[in-house]
Amino acid sequence: MGRRCASDRFVPLVMMYEFEAGVENDLVRIRNELESPEKINDSPQTAPSKRILSLVPRYRKVLDGTIAAKQMGLRGCETNAPT
């Protein structure tokens, strides 16, 4: 950065969206390769979570899946919901 740059004023820009866009493109490609939505989960090896794990090895189905569902606006079962 040189002598004239004040390092205390330097703010690095770190963007994670390029990685996410790559995964999104792969997921769209997988969806487009299938003839129907039912084919996405036609064996234990091709379950949606297995497909995601092949693209994102650090994916944690219960935690990350719950976060994704909430971000999409899906609600879980309420503990005090009537039965």
PDB file of N, CA and C in Angstrom:
ATOM      1  N   MET A   1       0.824  -1.188   0.000  1.00  0.00           N
ATOM      2  CA  MET A   1       0.000   0.000   0.000  1.00  0.00           C
ATOM      3  C   MET A   1       0.871   1.255   0.000  1.00  0.00           C
ATOM      4  N   GLY A   2       2.079   1.154   0.376  1.00  0.00           N
ATOM      5  CA  GLY A   2       2.958   2.310   0.309  1.00  0.00           C
ATOM      6  C   GLY A   2       2.937   3.148   1.573  1.00  0.00           C
ATOM      7  N   ARG A   3       3.840   4.095   1.644  1.00  0.00           N
ATOM      8  CA  ARG A   3       3.985   4.947   2.834  1.00  0.00           C
ATOM      9  C   ARG A   3       2.860   5.964   2.971  1.00  0.00           C
ATOM     10  N   ARG A   4       2.273   6.382   1.874  1.00  0.00           N
ATOM     11  CA  ARG A   4       1.282   7.458   1.916  1.00  0.00           C
ATOM     12  C   ARG A   4      -0.110   6.960   2.320  1.00  0.00           C
ATOM     13  N   CYS A   5      -0.287   5.662   2.357  1.00  0.00           N
ATOM     14  CA  CYS A   5      -1.604   5.107   2.683  1.00  0.00           C
ATOM     15  C   CYS A   5      -1.747   4.970   4.194  1.00  0.00           C
ATOM     16  N   ALA A   6      -2.801   5.492   4.730  1.00  0.00           N
ATOM     17  CA  ALA A   6      -3.079   5.365   6.160  1.00  0.00           C
ATOM     18  C   ALA A   6      -3.791   4.031   6.392  1.00  0.00           C
ATOM     19  N   SER A   7      -3.075   3.059   6.937  1.00  0.00           N
ATOM     20  CA  SER A   7      -3.643   1.717   7.082  1.00  0.00           C
ATOM     21  C   SER A   7      -4.868   1.693   7.998  1.00  0.00           C
ATOM     22  N   ASP A   8      -4.976   2.658   8.918  1.00  0.00           N
ATOM     23  CA  ASP A   8      -6.151   2.678   9.787  1.00  0.00           C
ATOM     24  C   ASP A   8      -7.409   3.138   9.051  1.00  0.00           C
ATOM     25  N   ARG A   9      -7.232   3.657   7.843  1.00  0.00           N
ATOM     26  CA  ARG A   9      -8.387   4.090   7.039  1.00  0.00           C
ATOM     27  C   ARG A   9      -8.700   3.092   5.932  1.00  0.00           C
ATOM     28  N   PHE A  10      -7.922   2.035   5.847  1.00  0.00           N
ATOM     29  CA  PHE A  10      -8.119   1.014   4.816  1.00  0.00           C
ATOM     30  C   PHE A  10      -9.190   0.035   5.274  1.00  0.00           C
ATOM     31  N   VAL A  11     -10.231  -0.116   4.479  1.00  0.00           N
ATOM     32  CA  VAL A  11     -11.303  -1.045   4.791  1.00  0.00           C
ATOM     33  C   VAL A  11     -11.405  -2.038   3.634  1.00  0.00           C
ATOM     34  N   PRO A  12     -10.989  -3.284   3.861  1.00  0.00           N
ATOM     35  CA  PRO A  12     -11.048  -4.258   2.769  1.00  0.00           C
ATOM     36  C   PRO A  12     -12.493  -4.638   2.443  1.00  0.00           C
ATOM     37  N   LEU A  13     -12.744  -4.934   1.205  1.00  0.00           N
ATOM     38  CA  LEU A  13     -14.069  -5.370   0.765  1.00  0.00           C
ATOM     39  C   LEU A  13     -13.992  -6.857   0.458  1.00  0.00           C
ATOM     40  N   VAL A  14     -14.693  -7.630   1.222  1.00  0.00           N
ATOM     41  CA  VAL A  14     -14.719  -9.074   1.025  1.00  0.00           C
ATOM     42  C   VAL A  14     -16.142  -9.441   0.630  1.00  0.00           C
ATOM     43  N   MET A  15     -16.283 -10.008  -0.565  1.00  0.00           N
ATOM     44  CA  MET A  15     -17.616 -10.349  -1.060  1.00  0.00           C
ATOM     45  C   MET A  15     -17.746 -11.851  -1.181  1.00  0.00           C
ATOM     46  N   MET A  16     -18.793 -12.414  -0.604  1.00  0.00           N
ATOM     47  CA  MET A  16     -19.013 -13.847  -0.666  1.00  0.00           C
ATOM     48  C   MET A  16     -19.981 -14.238  -1.776  1.00  0.00           C
ATOM     49  N   TYR A  17     -20.512 -13.305  -2.473  1.00  0.00           N
ATOM     50  CA  TYR A  17     -21.581 -13.610  -3.422  1.00  0.00           C
ATOM     51  C   TYR A  17     -21.111 -14.330  -4.669  1.00  0.00           C
ATOM     52  N   GLU A  18     -19.851 -14.197  -5.036  1.00  0.00           N
ATOM     53  CA  GLU A  18     -19.379 -14.935  -6.200  1.00  0.00           C
ATOM     54  C   GLU A  18     -19.446 -16.428  -5.935  1.00  0.00           C
ATOM     55  N   PHE A  19     -19.054 -16.868  -4.735  1.00  0.00           N
ATOM     56  CA  PHE A  19     -19.141 -18.276  -4.379  1.00  0.00           C
ATOM     57  C   PHE A  19     -20.592 -18.731  -4.377  1.00  0.00           C
ATOM     58  N   GLU A  20     -21.454 -17.961  -3.737  1.00  0.00           N
ATOM     59  CA  GLU A  20     -22.865 -18.338  -3.673  1.00  0.00           C
ATOM     60  C   GLU A  20     -23.498 -18.397  -5.051  1.00  0.00           C
ATOM     61  N   ALA A  21     -23.112 -17.488  -5.923  1.00  0.00           N
ATOM     62  CA  ALA A  21     -23.661 -17.502  -7.280  1.00  0.00           C
ATOM     63  C   ALA A  21     -23.241 -18.774  -7.997  1.00  0.00           C
ATOM     64  N   GLY A  22     -22.017 -19.230  -7.766  1.00  0.00           N
ATOM     65  CA  GLY A  22     -21.561 -20.471  -8.386  1.00  0.00           C
ATOM     66  C   GLY A  22     -22.380 -21.652  -7.936  1.00  0.00           C
ATOM     67  N   VAL A  23     -22.668 -21.736  -6.649  1.00  0.00           N
ATOM     68  CA  VAL A  23     -23.494 -22.821  -6.123  1.00  0.00           C
ATOM     69  C   VAL A  23     -24.903 -22.707  -6.669  1.00  0.00           C
ATOM     70  N   GLU A  24     -25.426 -21.501  -6.716  1.00  0.00           N
ATOM     71  CA  GLU A  24     -26.775 -21.306  -7.255  1.00  0.00           C
ATOM     72  C   GLU A  24     -26.839 -21.776  -8.708  1.00  0.00           C
ATOM     73  N   ASN A  25     -25.830 -21.437  -9.490  1.00  0.00           N
ATOM     74  CA  ASN A  25     -25.798 -21.884 -10.892  1.00  0.00           C
ATOM     75  C   ASN A  25     -25.779 -23.405 -10.986  1.00  0.00           C
ATOM     76  N   ASP A  26     -25.014 -24.052 -10.102  1.00  0.00           N
ATOM     77  CA  ASP A  26     -24.969 -25.515 -10.102  1.00  0.00           C
ATOM     78  C   ASP A  26     -26.315 -26.112  -9.717  1.00  0.00           C
ATOM     79  N   LEU A  27     -26.984 -25.518  -8.740  1.00  0.00           N
ATOM     80  CA  LEU A  27     -28.300 -26.021  -8.336  1.00  0.00           C
ATOM     81  C   LEU A  27     -29.331 -25.848  -9.448  1.00  0.00           C
ATOM     82  N   VAL A  28     -29.275 -24.730 -10.126  1.00  0.00           N
ATOM     83  CA  VAL A  28     -30.189 -24.501 -11.261  1.00  0.00           C
ATOM     84  C   VAL A  28     -29.900 -25.509 -12.369  1.00  0.00           C
ATOM     85  N   ARG A  29     -28.618 -25.788 -12.618  1.00  0.00           N
ATOM     86  CA  ARG A  29     -28.248 -26.770 -13.645  1.00  0.00           C
ATOM     87  C   ARG A  29     -28.815 -28.142 -13.286  1.00  0.00           C
ATOM     88  N   ILE A  30     -28.673 -28.547 -12.023  1.00  0.00           N
ATOM     89  CA  ILE A  30     -29.201 -29.843 -11.587  1.00  0.00           C
ATOM     90  C   ILE A  30     -30.711 -29.888 -11.793  1.00  0.00           C
ATOM     91  N   ARG A  31     -31.394 -28.822 -11.374  1.00  0.00           N
ATOM     92  CA  ARG A  31     -32.855 -28.776 -11.557  1.00  0.00           C
ATOM     93  C   ARG A  31     -33.236 -28.897 -13.023  1.00  0.00           C
ATOM     94  N   ASN A  32     -32.509 -28.201 -13.877  1.00  0.00           N
ATOM     95  CA  ASN A  32     -32.836 -28.210 -15.305  1.00  0.00           C
ATOM     96  C   ASN A  32     -32.537 -29.545 -15.975  1.00  0.00           C
ATOM     97  N   GLU A  33     -31.647 -30.348 -15.389  1.00  0.00           N
ATOM     98  CA  GLU A  33     -31.326 -31.654 -15.952  1.00  0.00           C
ATOM     99  C   GLU A  33     -32.403 -32.696 -15.665  1.00  0.00           C
ATOM    100  N   LEU A  34     -33.287 -32.415 -14.734  1.00  0.00           N
ATOM    101  CA  LEU A  34     -34.295 -33.387 -14.326  1.00  0.00           C
ATOM    102  C   LEU A  34     -35.602 -33.143 -15.064  1.00  0.00           C
ATOM    103  N   GLU A  35     -36.273 -34.232 -15.391  1.00  0.00           N
ATOM    104  CA  GLU A  35     -37.522 -34.101 -16.140  1.00  0.00           C
ATOM    105  C   GLU A  35     -38.703 -33.674 -15.282  1.00  0.00           C
ATOM    106  N   SER A  36     -38.612 -33.919 -13.950  1.00  0.00           N
ATOM    107  CA  SER A  36     -39.686 -33.495 -13.057  1.00  0.00           C
ATOM    108  C   SER A  36     -39.123 -33.330 -11.636  1.00  0.00           C
ATOM    109  N   PRO A  37     -39.824 -32.571 -10.788  1.00  0.00           N
ATOM    110  CA  PRO A  37     -39.351 -32.372  -9.410  1.00  0.00           C
ATOM    111  C   PRO A  37     -39.210 -33.681  -8.622  1.00  0.00           C
ATOM    112  N   GLU A  38     -40.014 -34.674  -8.964  1.00  0.00           N
ATOM    113  CA  GLU A  38     -39.949 -35.949  -8.252  1.00  0.00           C
ATOM    114  C   GLU A  38     -38.609 -36.640  -8.438  1.00  0.00           C
ATOM    115  N   LYS A  39     -37.919 -36.354  -9.506  1.00  0.00           N
ATOM    116  CA  LYS A  39     -36.637 -37.007  -9.803  1.00  0.00           C
ATOM    117  C   LYS A  39     -35.489 -36.469  -8.948  1.00  0.00           C
ATOM    118  N   ILE A  40     -35.688 -35.369  -8.263  1.00  0.00           N
ATOM    119  CA  ILE A  40     -34.601 -34.800  -7.462  1.00  0.00           C
ATOM    120  C   ILE A  40     -34.288 -35.682  -6.261  1.00  0.00           C
ATOM    121  N   ASN A  41     -35.224 -36.500  -5.841  1.00  0.00           N
ATOM    122  CA  ASN A  41     -35.050 -37.327  -4.650  1.00  0.00           C
ATOM    123  C   ASN A  41     -35.420 -38.767  -4.972  1.00  0.00           C
ATOM    124  N   ASP A  42     -34.777 -39.331  -5.995  1.00  0.00           N
ATOM    125  CA  ASP A  42     -35.159 -40.671  -6.424  1.00  0.00           C
ATOM    126  C   ASP A  42     -34.279 -41.784  -5.851  1.00  0.00           C
ATOM    127  N   SER A  43     -33.322 -41.433  -4.998  1.00  0.00           N
ATOM    128  CA  SER A  43     -32.514 -42.441  -4.304  1.00  0.00           C
ATOM    129  C   SER A  43     -31.805 -41.770  -3.130  1.00  0.00           C
ATOM    130  N   PRO A  44     -31.298 -42.568  -2.184  1.00  0.00           N
ATOM    131  CA  PRO A  44     -30.568 -41.965  -1.059  1.00  0.00           C
ATOM    132  C   PRO A  44     -29.346 -41.162  -1.508  1.00  0.00           C
ATOM    133  N   GLN A  45     -28.747 -41.536  -2.621  1.00  0.00           N
ATOM    134  CA  GLN A  45     -27.568 -40.828  -3.120  1.00  0.00           C
ATOM    135  C   GLN A  45     -27.914 -39.508  -3.810  1.00  0.00           C
ATOM    136  N   THR A  46     -29.154 -39.356  -4.244  1.00  0.00           N
ATOM    137  CA  THR A  46     -29.536 -38.127  -4.953  1.00  0.00           C
ATOM    138  C   THR A  46     -30.510 -37.266  -4.163  1.00  0.00           C
ATOM    139  N   ALA A  47     -30.657 -37.556  -2.880  1.00  0.00           N
ATOM    140  CA  ALA A  47     -31.519 -36.726  -2.033  1.00  0.00           C
ATOM    141  C   ALA A  47     -31.025 -35.284  -2.105  1.00  0.00           C
ATOM    142  N   PRO A  48     -31.919 -34.310  -1.964  1.00  0.00           N
ATOM    143  CA  PRO A  48     -31.497 -32.915  -2.050  1.00  0.00           C
ATOM    144  C   PRO A  48     -30.310 -32.576  -1.149  1.00  0.00           C
ATOM    145  N   SER A  49     -30.306 -33.084   0.079  1.00  0.00           N
ATOM    146  CA  SER A  49     -29.184 -32.768   0.973  1.00  0.00           C
ATOM    147  C   SER A  49     -27.876 -33.349   0.451  1.00  0.00           C
ATOM    148  N   LYS A  50     -27.920 -34.513  -0.173  1.00  0.00           N
ATOM    149  CA  LYS A  50     -26.702 -35.116  -0.748  1.00  0.00           C
ATOM    150  C   LYS A  50     -26.210 -34.293  -1.934  1.00  0.00           C
ATOM    151  N   ARG A  51     -27.133 -33.788  -2.726  1.00  0.00           N
ATOM    152  CA  ARG A  51     -26.739 -32.948  -3.864  1.00  0.00           C
ATOM    153  C   ARG A  51     -26.085 -31.660  -3.368  1.00  0.00           C
ATOM    154  N   ILE A  52     -26.650 -31.064  -2.319  1.00  0.00           N
ATOM    155  CA  ILE A  52     -26.067 -29.840  -1.757  1.00  0.00           C
ATOM    156  C   ILE A  52     -24.698 -30.140  -1.159  1.00  0.00           C
ATOM    157  N   LEU A  53     -24.576 -31.249  -0.424  1.00  0.00           N
ATOM    158  CA  LEU A  53     -23.291 -31.622   0.162  1.00  0.00           C
ATOM    159  C   LEU A  53     -22.206 -31.812  -0.898  1.00  0.00           C
ATOM    160  N   SER A  54     -22.587 -32.289  -2.070  1.00  0.00           N
ATOM    161  CA  SER A  54     -21.586 -32.463  -3.127  1.00  0.00           C
ATOM    162  C   SER A  54     -21.055 -31.116  -3.614  1.00  0.00           C
ATOM    163  N   LEU A  55     -21.841 -30.067  -3.457  1.00  0.00           N
ATOM    164  CA  LEU A  55     -21.434 -28.722  -3.877  1.00  0.00           C
ATOM    165  C   LEU A  55     -20.843 -27.912  -2.726  1.00  0.00           C
ATOM    166  N   VAL A  56     -21.363 -28.133  -1.523  1.00  0.00           N
ATOM    167  CA  VAL A  56     -20.935 -27.371  -0.331  1.00  0.00           C
ATOM    168  C   VAL A  56     -20.654 -28.384   0.781  1.00  0.00           C
ATOM    169  N   PRO A  57     -19.419 -28.888   0.863  1.00  0.00           N
ATOM    170  CA  PRO A  57     -19.104 -29.938   1.839  1.00  0.00           C
ATOM    171  C   PRO A  57     -19.371 -29.558   3.296  1.00  0.00           C
ATOM    172  N   ARG A  58     -19.381 -28.290   3.622  1.00  0.00           N
ATOM    173  CA  ARG A  58     -19.635 -27.869   5.010  1.00  0.00           C
ATOM    174  C   ARG A  58     -21.117 -27.709   5.314  1.00  0.00           C
ATOM    175  N   TYR A  59     -21.989 -28.054   4.377  1.00  0.00           N
ATOM    176  CA  TYR A  59     -23.438 -27.946   4.576  1.00  0.00           C
ATOM    177  C   TYR A  59     -23.878 -28.839   5.734  1.00  0.00           C
ATOM    178  N   ARG A  60     -24.669 -28.271   6.640  1.00  0.00           N
ATOM    179  CA  ARG A  60     -25.241 -29.012   7.762  1.00  0.00           C
ATOM    180  C   ARG A  60     -26.757 -28.987   7.593  1.00  0.00           C
ATOM    181  N   LYS A  61     -27.303 -30.127   7.229  1.00  0.00           N
ATOM    182  CA  LYS A  61     -28.702 -30.217   6.821  1.00  0.00           C
ATOM    183  C   LYS A  61     -29.669 -29.609   7.840  1.00  0.00           C
ATOM    184  N   VAL A  62     -29.575 -29.998   9.097  1.00  0.00           N
ATOM    185  CA  VAL A  62     -30.546 -29.527  10.088  1.00  0.00           C
ATOM    186  C   VAL A  62     -30.397 -28.033  10.330  1.00  0.00           C
ATOM    187  N   LEU A  63     -29.192 -27.573  10.579  1.00  0.00           N
ATOM    188  CA  LEU A  63     -28.992 -26.154  10.881  1.00  0.00           C
ATOM    189  C   LEU A  63     -29.191 -25.286   9.636  1.00  0.00           C
ATOM    190  N   ASP A  64     -28.464 -25.581   8.571  1.00  0.00           N
ATOM    191  CA  ASP A  64     -28.549 -24.742   7.371  1.00  0.00           C
ATOM    192  C   ASP A  64     -29.909 -24.845   6.692  1.00  0.00           C
ATOM    193  N   GLY A  65     -30.498 -26.035   6.723  1.00  0.00           N
ATOM    194  CA  GLY A  65     -31.825 -26.200   6.131  1.00  0.00           C
ATOM    195  C   GLY A  65     -32.882 -25.394   6.876  1.00  0.00           C
ATOM    196  N   THR A  66     -32.770 -25.371   8.201  1.00  0.00           N
ATOM    197  CA  THR A  66     -33.705 -24.586   9.014  1.00  0.00           C
ATOM    198  C   THR A  66     -33.554 -23.095   8.738  1.00  0.00           C
ATOM    199  N   ILE A  67     -32.317 -22.643   8.661  1.00  0.00           N
ATOM    200  CA  ILE A  67     -32.064 -21.222   8.363  1.00  0.00           C
ATOM    201  C   ILE A  67     -32.631 -20.861   6.993  1.00  0.00           C
ATOM    202  N   ALA A  68     -32.392 -21.713   5.997  1.00  0.00           N
ATOM    203  CA  ALA A  68     -32.894 -21.445   4.649  1.00  0.00           C
ATOM    204  C   ALA A  68     -34.417 -21.399   4.631  1.00  0.00           C
ATOM    205  N   ALA A  69     -35.047 -22.333   5.343  1.00  0.00           N
ATOM    206  CA  ALA A  69     -36.513 -22.361   5.384  1.00  0.00           C
ATOM    207  C   ALA A  69     -37.075 -21.085   6.007  1.00  0.00           C
ATOM    208  N   LYS A  70     -36.440 -20.645   7.087  1.00  0.00           N
ATOM    209  CA  LYS A  70     -36.903 -19.405   7.731  1.00  0.00           C
ATOM    210  C   LYS A  70     -36.716 -18.206   6.816  1.00  0.00           C
ATOM    211  N   GLN A  71     -35.590 -18.163   6.097  1.00  0.00           N
ATOM    212  CA  GLN A  71     -35.347 -17.035   5.190  1.00  0.00           C
ATOM    213  C   GLN A  71     -36.342 -17.011   4.035  1.00  0.00           C
ATOM    214  N   MET A  72     -36.867 -18.185   3.681  1.00  0.00           N
ATOM    215  CA  MET A  72     -37.871 -18.250   2.615  1.00  0.00           C
ATOM    216  C   MET A  72     -39.263 -17.944   3.135  1.00  0.00           C
ATOM    217  N   GLY A  73     -39.384 -17.815   4.468  1.00  0.00           N
ATOM    218  CA  GLY A  73     -40.683 -17.500   5.043  1.00  0.00           C
ATOM    219  C   GLY A  73     -41.475 -18.698   5.504  1.00  0.00           C
ATOM    220  N   LEU A  74     -40.884 -19.895   5.495  1.00  0.00           N
ATOM    221  CA  LEU A  74     -41.584 -21.080   5.972  1.00  0.00           C
ATOM    222  C   LEU A  74     -41.553 -21.101   7.488  1.00  0.00           C
ATOM    223  N   ARG A  75     -42.658 -21.512   8.081  1.00  0.00           N
ATOM    224  CA  ARG A  75     -42.733 -21.592   9.538  1.00  0.00           C
ATOM    225  C   ARG A  75     -42.681 -23.042   9.955  1.00  0.00           C
ATOM    226  N   GLY A  76     -42.013 -23.286  11.089  1.00  0.00           N
ATOM    227  CA  GLY A  76     -41.945 -24.640  11.647  1.00  0.00           C
ATOM    228  C   GLY A  76     -43.129 -24.920  12.528  1.00  0.00           C
ATOM    229  N   CYS A  77     -43.178 -26.094  13.050  1.00  0.00           N
ATOM    230  CA  CYS A  77     -44.242 -26.452  13.984  1.00  0.00           C
ATOM    231  C   CYS A  77     -44.030 -25.683  15.274  1.00  0.00           C
ATOM    232  N   GLU A  78     -45.057 -25.080  15.746  1.00  0.00           N
ATOM    233  CA  GLU A  78     -45.004 -24.363  17.016  1.00  0.00           C
ATOM    234  C   GLU A  78     -45.198 -25.357  18.140  1.00  0.00           C
ATOM    235  N   THR A  79     -44.467 -25.189  19.229  1.00  0.00           N
ATOM    236  CA  THR A  79     -44.589 -26.125  20.343  1.00  0.00           C
ATOM    237  C   THR A  79     -45.946 -26.039  21.027  1.00  0.00           C
ATOM    238  N   ASN A  80     -46.597 -24.893  20.909  1.00  0.00           N
ATOM    239  CA  ASN A  80     -47.899 -24.747  21.558  1.00  0.00           C
ATOM    240  C   ASN A  80     -49.052 -24.787  20.546  1.00  0.00           C
ATOM    241  N   ALA A  81     -48.770 -25.334  19.371  1.00  0.00           N
ATOM    242  CA  ALA A  81     -49.822 -25.403  18.340  1.00  0.00           C
ATOM    243  C   ALA A  81     -50.855 -26.437  18.732  1.00  0.00           C
ATOM    244  N   PRO A  82     -52.134 -26.167  18.412  1.00  0.00           N
ATOM    245  CA  PRO A  82     -53.181 -27.151  18.716  1.00  0.00           C
ATOM    246  C   PRO A  82     -52.984 -28.419  17.916  1.00  0.00           C
ATOM    247  N   THR A  83     -53.346 -29.544  18.502  1.00  0.00           N
ATOM    248  CA  THR A  83     -53.188 -30.817  17.785  1.00  0.00           C
ATOM    249  C   THR A  83     -54.504 -31.379  17.344  1.00  0.00           C
TER     250      THR A  83
END
